[in-house]
Amino acid sequence: MRSTCRSRLVVPVLLALLWACAGSAAAQWSVEIYTGSSSTLPTTLELRQEGHPDTVITGVRYETRPWNHFESLALLTENYYMVRAGYLTPLSPVQDTRLGVELEVLHDKAYYRSGHDPGGVVQHFELSDGVVYVLANASLVHPVARDDAFPRGRVQVVGRVGAGPVITKPASTIRGEGLGHDIHGTWTGYEVAGFGGQAAAQVRVFLTPWLTTGMETKFSYADVTQRIAGGTSRTTLPSVHLTFGLGVVH
């Protein structure tokens, strides 16, 4: 209940911050689309299933398979990507370092690969149609090598932190009982599963005064609970990401 209340506050607070920043004559807006991959550290998977004792599987390893179904790219359901939009406003009259507020959607994935499961309880478990972070970010942007041709700097160094609700779409077979396989690759079956956050560092390089390319590394963490046949599963996802892509800064 507490995480649900927090998640309901994220978007209104972010919109208010964006409105405030947009009111500044010196403000800048940005839009970025990135792809990449993630690596999840060993974690646990807790299973509660009717008619069976609660089970905790330790040493769980997930894999991302970031472009496993490239033909589904147009549907944005089965591939790894990130979309982010935000506003920047100067912290001082010299307009060097800027403060930003952003809305970010990070579409991560998790396929169960292995774990300490001597009973063979898990035949299949995936969040491959998305571990979707909806994040309200705060960022600091510092320009490097500013000149008349590139007033925002030829390079920008960015640090950001963010938090928000996490949406998952599970498909699993636990103790021979399946759930979610019949709606794989569709827009149905998503559920608000928990809360997550990130800390990230990014380098943006301006190809033109407004078009950027860049790379970002981030650490994310989510604690999510979703349905399985006859019960629920809970897992944590401590993940390291490396992403790259294009953006527009105006």
Protein backbone atom coordinates (compact mmCIF):
# COMPACT_ATOMS: atom_id res chain seq x y z
CA MET A 1 0.00 0.00 0.00
CA ARG A 2 2.82 2.39 0.88
CA SER A 3 4.60 1.86 -2.46
CA THR A 4 1.28 2.32 -4.30
CA CYS A 5 0.77 5.71 -2.65
CA ARG A 6 4.29 6.74 -3.57
CA SER A 7 3.81 5.70 -7.18
CA ARG A 8 0.61 7.74 -7.47
CA LEU A 9 2.50 10.86 -6.44
CA VAL A 10 5.34 10.50 -8.96
CA VAL A 11 3.67 11.76 -12.15
CA PRO A 12 1.82 14.78 -10.61
CA VAL A 13 5.00 15.96 -8.89
CA LEU A 14 7.03 15.53 -12.08
CA LEU A 15 4.47 17.44 -14.18
CA ALA A 16 4.55 20.31 -11.69
CA LEU A 17 8.34 20.43 -11.88
CA LEU A 18 8.29 20.34 -15.68
CA TRP A 19 5.77 23.21 -15.75
CA ALA A 20 7.93 25.26 -13.42
CA CYS A 21 11.04 24.69 -15.52
CA ALA A 22 9.20 25.41 -18.76
CA GLY A 23 8.35 28.84 -17.42
CA SER A 24 12.00 29.89 -17.50
CA ALA A 25 13.03 31.74 -20.65
CA ALA A 26 16.45 30.05 -20.52
CA ALA A 27 15.06 26.54 -20.13
CA GLN A 28 15.87 23.76 -22.61
CA TRP A 29 13.90 20.65 -23.41
CA SER A 30 15.30 17.28 -24.46
CA VAL A 31 13.98 14.03 -25.92
CA GLU A 32 16.08 10.85 -26.15
CA ILE A 33 15.60 7.31 -27.46
CA TYR A 34 18.19 4.74 -26.40
CA THR A 35 18.65 0.98 -26.60
CA GLY A 36 21.21 -1.32 -24.99
CA SER A 37 21.22 -4.16 -22.50
CA SER A 38 21.36 -4.96 -18.80
CA SER A 39 22.93 -7.55 -16.50
CA THR A 40 21.10 -8.54 -13.33
CA LEU A 41 23.09 -9.52 -10.25
CA PRO A 42 22.25 -12.82 -8.48
CA THR A 43 18.99 -12.46 -6.59
CA THR A 44 16.07 -14.44 -5.14
CA LEU A 45 12.69 -15.60 -6.41
CA GLU A 46 9.93 -16.18 -3.85
CA LEU A 47 6.96 -18.32 -4.87
CA ARG A 48 3.60 -18.60 -3.14
CA GLN A 49 1.33 -21.10 -4.86
CA GLU A 50 -1.92 -22.56 -3.64
CA GLY A 51 -1.54 -26.13 -2.40
CA HIS A 52 2.24 -25.91 -2.06
CA PRO A 53 4.62 -24.63 0.62
CA ASP A 54 6.16 -21.20 0.10
CA THR A 55 9.44 -21.57 -1.77
CA VAL A 56 12.47 -19.28 -1.96
CA ILE A 57 14.94 -19.91 -4.77
CA THR A 58 18.32 -18.33 -4.16
CA GLY A 59 21.18 -17.54 -6.52
CA VAL A 60 18.74 -16.71 -9.30
CA ARG A 61 20.31 -15.49 -12.54
CA TYR A 62 18.28 -13.65 -15.16
CA GLU A 63 19.32 -12.76 -18.68
CA THR A 64 18.04 -9.85 -20.77
CA ARG A 65 18.02 -11.00 -24.43
CA PRO A 66 17.65 -7.34 -25.42
CA TRP A 67 16.73 -7.88 -29.08
CA ASN A 68 15.39 -11.42 -28.87
CA HIS A 69 12.48 -10.71 -31.23
CA PHE A 70 13.67 -7.87 -33.43
CA GLU A 71 10.59 -8.24 -35.65
CA SER A 72 8.49 -7.03 -32.70
CA LEU A 73 10.32 -3.67 -32.58
CA ALA A 74 7.29 -1.80 -33.92
CA LEU A 75 5.17 -3.15 -31.04
CA LEU A 76 7.77 -2.16 -28.41
CA THR A 77 6.91 -5.18 -26.31
CA GLU A 78 9.80 -7.64 -26.52
CA ASN A 79 12.93 -5.51 -26.89
CA TYR A 80 15.08 -3.40 -24.60
CA TYR A 81 14.73 0.38 -24.99
CA MET A 82 14.51 3.67 -23.10
CA VAL A 83 12.56 6.84 -23.92
CA ARG A 84 13.15 10.03 -21.92
CA ALA A 85 11.87 13.61 -22.07
CA GLY A 86 12.72 16.51 -19.80
CA TYR A 87 13.47 20.16 -19.15
CA LEU A 88 16.70 21.86 -18.11
CA THR A 89 16.98 25.18 -16.35
CA PRO A 90 20.21 27.04 -15.40
CA LEU A 91 21.42 26.98 -11.83
CA SER A 92 23.22 30.34 -12.23
CA PRO A 93 23.26 33.34 -14.59
CA VAL A 94 26.31 31.97 -16.42
CA GLN A 95 24.18 29.00 -17.47
CA ASP A 96 26.87 26.34 -17.14
CA THR A 97 25.59 23.50 -14.98
CA ARG A 98 21.85 22.97 -15.40
CA LEU A 99 19.21 21.25 -13.30
CA GLY A 100 16.82 18.96 -15.12
CA VAL A 101 13.58 17.16 -14.41
CA GLU A 102 12.59 14.25 -16.62
CA LEU A 103 10.05 11.54 -17.30
CA GLU A 104 11.70 8.27 -18.37
CA VAL A 105 10.28 4.95 -19.49
CA LEU A 106 12.83 2.13 -19.28
CA HIS A 107 11.70 -1.14 -20.87
CA ASP A 108 13.96 -3.82 -19.38
CA LYS A 109 13.54 -7.62 -19.60
CA ALA A 110 14.27 -10.65 -17.41
CA TYR A 111 14.40 -14.33 -18.39
CA TYR A 112 15.00 -16.90 -15.63
CA ARG A 113 18.21 -18.76 -16.47
CA SER A 114 19.18 -20.65 -13.32
CA GLY A 115 18.89 -20.78 -9.55
CA HIS A 116 19.23 -23.09 -6.55
CA ASP A 117 16.07 -25.08 -7.26
CA PRO A 118 16.71 -28.72 -6.27
CA GLY A 119 12.99 -29.54 -6.57
CA GLY A 120 12.77 -28.32 -10.14
CA VAL A 121 9.90 -25.99 -9.19
CA VAL A 122 10.56 -23.45 -11.95
CA GLN A 123 10.21 -24.76 -15.47
CA HIS A 124 9.90 -21.30 -16.99
CA PHE A 125 9.74 -17.71 -15.73
CA GLU A 126 10.08 -14.51 -17.73
CA LEU A 127 9.26 -10.83 -17.67
CA SER A 128 10.21 -10.53 -21.32
CA ASP A 129 7.38 -8.27 -22.47
CA GLY A 130 8.77 -5.81 -20.02
CA VAL A 131 10.06 -4.81 -16.66
CA VAL A 132 8.82 -1.27 -17.33
CA TYR A 133 10.16 1.47 -15.06
CA VAL A 134 8.17 4.73 -15.16
CA LEU A 135 10.67 7.10 -13.58
CA ALA A 136 10.63 10.69 -12.39
CA ASN A 137 14.25 11.85 -12.66
CA ALA A 138 16.31 14.72 -11.36
CA SER A 139 19.46 15.44 -13.37
CA LEU A 140 22.52 17.68 -13.39
CA VAL A 141 23.94 18.59 -16.81
CA HIS A 142 27.38 20.15 -17.26
CA PRO A 143 28.47 21.39 -20.73
CA VAL A 144 32.02 20.96 -22.02
CA ALA A 145 33.64 23.06 -24.79
CA ARG A 146 30.91 25.66 -25.28
CA ASP A 147 31.31 28.03 -28.22
CA ASP A 148 29.17 30.09 -30.60
CA ALA A 149 28.50 27.08 -32.84
CA PHE A 150 27.60 24.82 -29.88
CA PRO A 151 26.15 27.06 -27.15
CA ARG A 152 25.07 23.99 -25.13
CA GLY A 153 28.58 22.57 -25.29
CA ARG A 154 30.01 20.10 -27.77
CA VAL A 155 29.76 17.50 -25.00
CA GLN A 156 27.47 17.28 -21.97
CA VAL A 157 28.16 15.20 -18.86
CA VAL A 158 24.94 14.18 -17.12
CA GLY A 159 24.21 12.59 -13.75
CA ARG A 160 20.69 11.56 -12.79
CA VAL A 161 18.66 9.73 -10.17
CA GLY A 162 15.04 8.66 -10.44
CA ALA A 163 12.29 6.55 -8.94
CA GLY A 164 8.78 5.41 -9.80
CA PRO A 165 6.36 2.51 -10.29
CA VAL A 166 7.39 -0.66 -12.11
CA ILE A 167 5.03 -2.52 -14.46
CA THR A 168 5.64 -6.14 -15.42
CA LYS A 169 4.09 -8.73 -17.69
CA PRO A 170 4.81 -12.27 -16.44
CA ALA A 171 4.76 -15.55 -18.30
CA SER A 172 5.66 -18.64 -16.30
CA THR A 173 5.35 -22.36 -15.74
CA ILE A 174 5.68 -23.23 -12.05
CA ARG A 175 5.29 -26.88 -10.94
CA GLY A 176 3.83 -27.61 -14.36
CA GLU A 177 1.17 -24.88 -14.16
CA GLY A 178 1.42 -22.19 -16.83
CA LEU A 179 0.24 -18.57 -16.95
CA GLY A 180 0.63 -15.77 -19.48
CA HIS A 181 2.04 -17.71 -22.44
CA ASP A 182 -1.09 -17.24 -24.54
CA ILE A 183 -0.83 -13.41 -24.45
CA HIS A 184 2.92 -13.23 -25.07
CA GLY A 185 3.82 -10.37 -27.43
CA THR A 186 0.51 -8.53 -26.98
CA TRP A 187 -0.46 -5.39 -25.05
CA THR A 188 -2.59 -7.29 -22.49
CA GLY A 189 -1.51 -8.79 -19.18
CA TYR A 190 0.56 -5.94 -17.74
CA GLU A 191 0.30 -5.24 -14.01
CA VAL A 192 1.71 -2.65 -11.61
CA ALA A 193 4.12 -4.85 -9.72
CA GLY A 194 6.12 -2.63 -7.39
CA PHE A 195 8.51 0.29 -7.10
CA GLY A 196 12.00 0.91 -8.45
CA GLY A 197 14.74 3.44 -8.89
CA GLN A 198 17.95 4.24 -10.75
CA ALA A 199 21.21 6.17 -10.61
CA ALA A 200 22.91 6.93 -13.92
CA ALA A 201 25.82 8.70 -15.61
CA GLN A 202 25.69 9.79 -19.25
CA VAL A 203 27.90 11.47 -21.84
CA ARG A 204 26.11 13.29 -24.69
CA VAL A 205 27.98 14.41 -27.81
CA PHE A 206 26.39 17.01 -30.10
CA LEU A 207 26.45 16.02 -33.78
CA THR A 208 24.74 19.31 -34.64
CA PRO A 209 23.72 22.20 -32.35
CA TRP A 210 20.55 20.25 -31.51
CA LEU A 211 21.12 16.53 -32.40
CA THR A 212 23.01 14.35 -29.93
CA THR A 213 24.33 10.85 -29.62
CA GLY A 214 25.51 9.36 -26.37
CA MET A 215 26.12 6.51 -23.97
CA GLU A 216 24.76 5.97 -20.49
CA THR A 217 25.51 3.52 -17.73
CA LYS A 218 23.05 3.05 -14.90
CA PHE A 219 22.21 0.93 -11.90
CA SER A 220 18.56 0.13 -11.33
CA TYR A 221 16.75 -1.73 -8.58
CA ALA A 222 13.18 -3.01 -8.47
CA ASP A 223 11.17 -5.09 -6.01
CA VAL A 224 8.27 -6.62 -7.94
CA THR A 225 5.43 -9.03 -7.23
CA GLN A 226 3.39 -10.56 -10.05
CA ARG A 227 0.99 -13.41 -10.69
CA ILE A 228 1.83 -17.04 -11.32
CA ALA A 229 -0.69 -19.85 -11.76
CA GLY A 230 -2.46 -20.23 -8.42
CA GLY A 231 -0.42 -17.60 -6.62
CA THR A 232 2.25 -14.92 -6.80
CA SER A 233 5.97 -14.53 -7.30
CA ARG A 234 8.26 -11.88 -5.86
CA THR A 235 11.73 -11.03 -7.05
CA THR A 236 14.23 -8.21 -6.78
CA LEU A 237 16.13 -6.96 -9.82
CA PRO A 238 19.47 -5.28 -9.07
CA SER A 239 20.71 -4.51 -12.59
CA VAL A 240 23.57 -2.75 -14.35
CA HIS A 241 22.78 -1.20 -17.76
CA LEU A 242 24.75 0.12 -20.71
CA THR A 243 22.75 2.08 -23.28
CA PHE A 244 23.34 4.20 -26.39
CA GLY A 245 21.18 6.20 -28.76
CA LEU A 246 20.12 9.56 -30.15
CA GLY A 247 18.49 12.66 -28.74
CA VAL A 248 17.32 16.19 -29.44
CA VAL A 249 18.11 19.16 -27.19
CA HIS A 250 16.41 22.46 -28.02
